[in-house]
Amino acid sequence: MPDPASPVRPLPIGEPILRPLSPEGLARMHAASLRVLEETGVVVGSAAIRDRLAAAGARVDGVRVRLPAPLVEASLAAAPATYTL
């Protein structure tokens, strides 16, 4: 029998529940993503891509690339809204 004091709860069985983010939740998620990209960055294996990102304003430290929020926002604004695979 599970410990009633434990914060761990079993997952419900049945159809998963999908709850879209509220506008406020979406804004928080976007802000957190920008912070991670700027502070932690991402590992980019391609030297050519690191060079292109650096030329666009990213900070490159070895294979780690940190993307400032204005660069990410400008890239998002330039990207198509939809695409077909």
C-alpha atoms as a PDB file:
ATOM      1  CA  MET A   1       0.000   0.000   0.000  1.00  0.00           C
ATOM      2  CA  PRO A   2       1.412   3.437  -0.923  1.00  0.00           C
ATOM      3  CA  ASP A   3       2.562   5.776   1.809  1.00  0.00           C
ATOM      4  CA  PRO A   4      -0.211   8.419   2.185  1.00  0.00           C
ATOM      5  CA  ALA A   5       2.401  11.040   3.146  1.00  0.00           C
ATOM      6  CA  SER A   6       4.308  10.531  -0.110  1.00  0.00           C
ATOM      7  CA  PRO A   7       3.861  13.211  -2.815  1.00  0.00           C
ATOM      8  CA  VAL A   8       4.118  10.470  -5.456  1.00  0.00           C
ATOM      9  CA  ARG A   9       0.746   9.516  -6.923  1.00  0.00           C
ATOM     10  CA  PRO A  10      -0.070   6.837  -9.493  1.00  0.00           C
ATOM     11  CA  LEU A  11      -0.845   7.987 -13.000  1.00  0.00           C
ATOM     12  CA  PRO A  12      -4.509   7.773 -13.946  1.00  0.00           C
ATOM     13  CA  ILE A  13      -5.416   4.929 -16.254  1.00  0.00           C
ATOM     14  CA  GLY A  14      -7.362   5.749 -19.396  1.00  0.00           C
ATOM     15  CA  GLU A  15      -7.223   8.539 -21.916  1.00  0.00           C
ATOM     16  CA  PRO A  16      -4.462  11.071 -21.286  1.00  0.00           C
ATOM     17  CA  ILE A  17      -5.612  14.551 -20.402  1.00  0.00           C
ATOM     18  CA  LEU A  18      -4.219  17.315 -22.553  1.00  0.00           C
ATOM     19  CA  ARG A  19      -4.589  20.816 -21.232  1.00  0.00           C
ATOM     20  CA  PRO A  20      -3.346  23.576 -23.522  1.00  0.00           C
ATOM     21  CA  LEU A  21      -1.255  26.253 -21.884  1.00  0.00           C
ATOM     22  CA  SER A  22      -2.959  29.484 -20.967  1.00  0.00           C
ATOM     23  CA  PRO A  23      -1.541  32.638 -22.581  1.00  0.00           C
ATOM     24  CA  GLU A  24       0.252  33.338 -19.287  1.00  0.00           C
ATOM     25  CA  GLY A  25       1.624  29.787 -19.157  1.00  0.00           C
ATOM     26  CA  LEU A  26       2.798  30.045 -22.744  1.00  0.00           C
ATOM     27  CA  ALA A  27       4.543  33.352 -21.977  1.00  0.00           C
ATOM     28  CA  ARG A  28       6.280  31.787 -18.939  1.00  0.00           C
ATOM     29  CA  MET A  29       7.384  28.795 -21.024  1.00  0.00           C
ATOM     30  CA  HIS A  30       8.755  31.081 -23.746  1.00  0.00           C
ATOM     31  CA  ALA A  31      10.623  33.243 -21.218  1.00  0.00           C
ATOM     32  CA  ALA A  32      12.115  30.154 -19.553  1.00  0.00           C
ATOM     33  CA  SER A  33      13.200  28.800 -22.949  1.00  0.00           C
ATOM     34  CA  LEU A  34      14.900  32.078 -23.827  1.00  0.00           C
ATOM     35  CA  ARG A  35      16.696  32.039 -20.478  1.00  0.00           C
ATOM     36  CA  VAL A  36      17.962  28.468 -20.996  1.00  0.00           C
ATOM     37  CA  LEU A  37      19.183  29.239 -24.523  1.00  0.00           C
ATOM     38  CA  GLU A  38      20.994  32.373 -23.314  1.00  0.00           C
ATOM     39  CA  GLU A  39      22.436  31.100 -20.027  1.00  0.00           C
ATOM     40  CA  THR A  40      23.004  27.373 -20.609  1.00  0.00           C
ATOM     41  CA  GLY A  41      23.074  27.266 -24.383  1.00  0.00           C
ATOM     42  CA  VAL A  42      23.221  24.231 -26.601  1.00  0.00           C
ATOM     43  CA  VAL A  43      25.999  21.993 -27.883  1.00  0.00           C
ATOM     44  CA  VAL A  44      26.541  22.453 -31.612  1.00  0.00           C
ATOM     45  CA  GLY A  45      28.753  19.821 -33.213  1.00  0.00           C
ATOM     46  CA  SER A  46      29.304  21.599 -36.518  1.00  0.00           C
ATOM     47  CA  ALA A  47      32.104  24.155 -36.555  1.00  0.00           C
ATOM     48  CA  ALA A  48      30.570  25.785 -39.641  1.00  0.00           C
ATOM     49  CA  ILE A  49      27.250  26.260 -37.850  1.00  0.00           C
ATOM     50  CA  ARG A  50      29.011  27.599 -34.740  1.00  0.00           C
ATOM     51  CA  ASP A  51      30.799  30.134 -36.960  1.00  0.00           C
ATOM     52  CA  ARG A  52      27.511  31.210 -38.556  1.00  0.00           C
ATOM     53  CA  LEU A  53      25.833  31.540 -35.135  1.00  0.00           C
ATOM     54  CA  ALA A  54      28.787  33.557 -33.813  1.00  0.00           C
ATOM     55  CA  ALA A  55      28.545  35.871 -36.828  1.00  0.00           C
ATOM     56  CA  ALA A  56      24.846  36.339 -36.030  1.00  0.00           C
ATOM     57  CA  GLY A  57      25.609  37.329 -32.425  1.00  0.00           C
ATOM     58  CA  ALA A  58      25.729  34.093 -30.446  1.00  0.00           C
ATOM     59  CA  ARG A  59      28.442  33.498 -27.827  1.00  0.00           C
ATOM     60  CA  VAL A  60      30.526  30.438 -28.670  1.00  0.00           C
ATOM     61  CA  ASP A  61      32.635  28.642 -26.048  1.00  0.00           C
ATOM     62  CA  GLY A  62      34.097  25.487 -27.562  1.00  0.00           C
ATOM     63  CA  VAL A  63      31.123  23.491 -28.804  1.00  0.00           C
ATOM     64  CA  ARG A  64      28.634  25.280 -26.512  1.00  0.00           C
ATOM     65  CA  VAL A  65      26.651  28.089 -28.110  1.00  0.00           C
ATOM     66  CA  ARG A  66      24.644  30.596 -26.062  1.00  0.00           C
ATOM     67  CA  LEU A  67      21.914  32.372 -27.978  1.00  0.00           C
ATOM     68  CA  PRO A  68      20.881  35.854 -26.824  1.00  0.00           C
ATOM     69  CA  ALA A  69      17.135  36.427 -26.633  1.00  0.00           C
ATOM     70  CA  PRO A  70      17.059  39.056 -29.428  1.00  0.00           C
ATOM     71  CA  LEU A  71      18.743  36.572 -31.803  1.00  0.00           C
ATOM     72  CA  VAL A  72      16.212  33.857 -30.933  1.00  0.00           C
ATOM     73  CA  GLU A  73      13.278  36.276 -31.273  1.00  0.00           C
ATOM     74  CA  ALA A  74      14.514  37.531 -34.654  1.00  0.00           C
ATOM     75  CA  SER A  75      14.977  33.959 -35.875  1.00  0.00           C
ATOM     76  CA  LEU A  76      11.475  33.012 -34.756  1.00  0.00           C
ATOM     77  CA  ALA A  77      10.028  36.048 -36.508  1.00  0.00           C
ATOM     78  CA  ALA A  78      11.811  35.098 -39.739  1.00  0.00           C
ATOM     79  CA  ALA A  79      10.750  31.425 -39.641  1.00  0.00           C
ATOM     80  CA  PRO A  80       7.675  30.317 -41.563  1.00  0.00           C
ATOM     81  CA  ALA A  81       4.549  29.785 -39.458  1.00  0.00           C
ATOM     82  CA  THR A  82       4.026  26.306 -40.959  1.00  0.00           C
ATOM     83  CA  TYR A  83       5.856  23.819 -43.132  1.00  0.00           C
ATOM     84  CA  THR A  84       5.106  20.460 -44.692  1.00  0.00           C
ATOM     85  CA  LEU A  85       7.341  17.453 -44.253  1.00  0.00           C
END
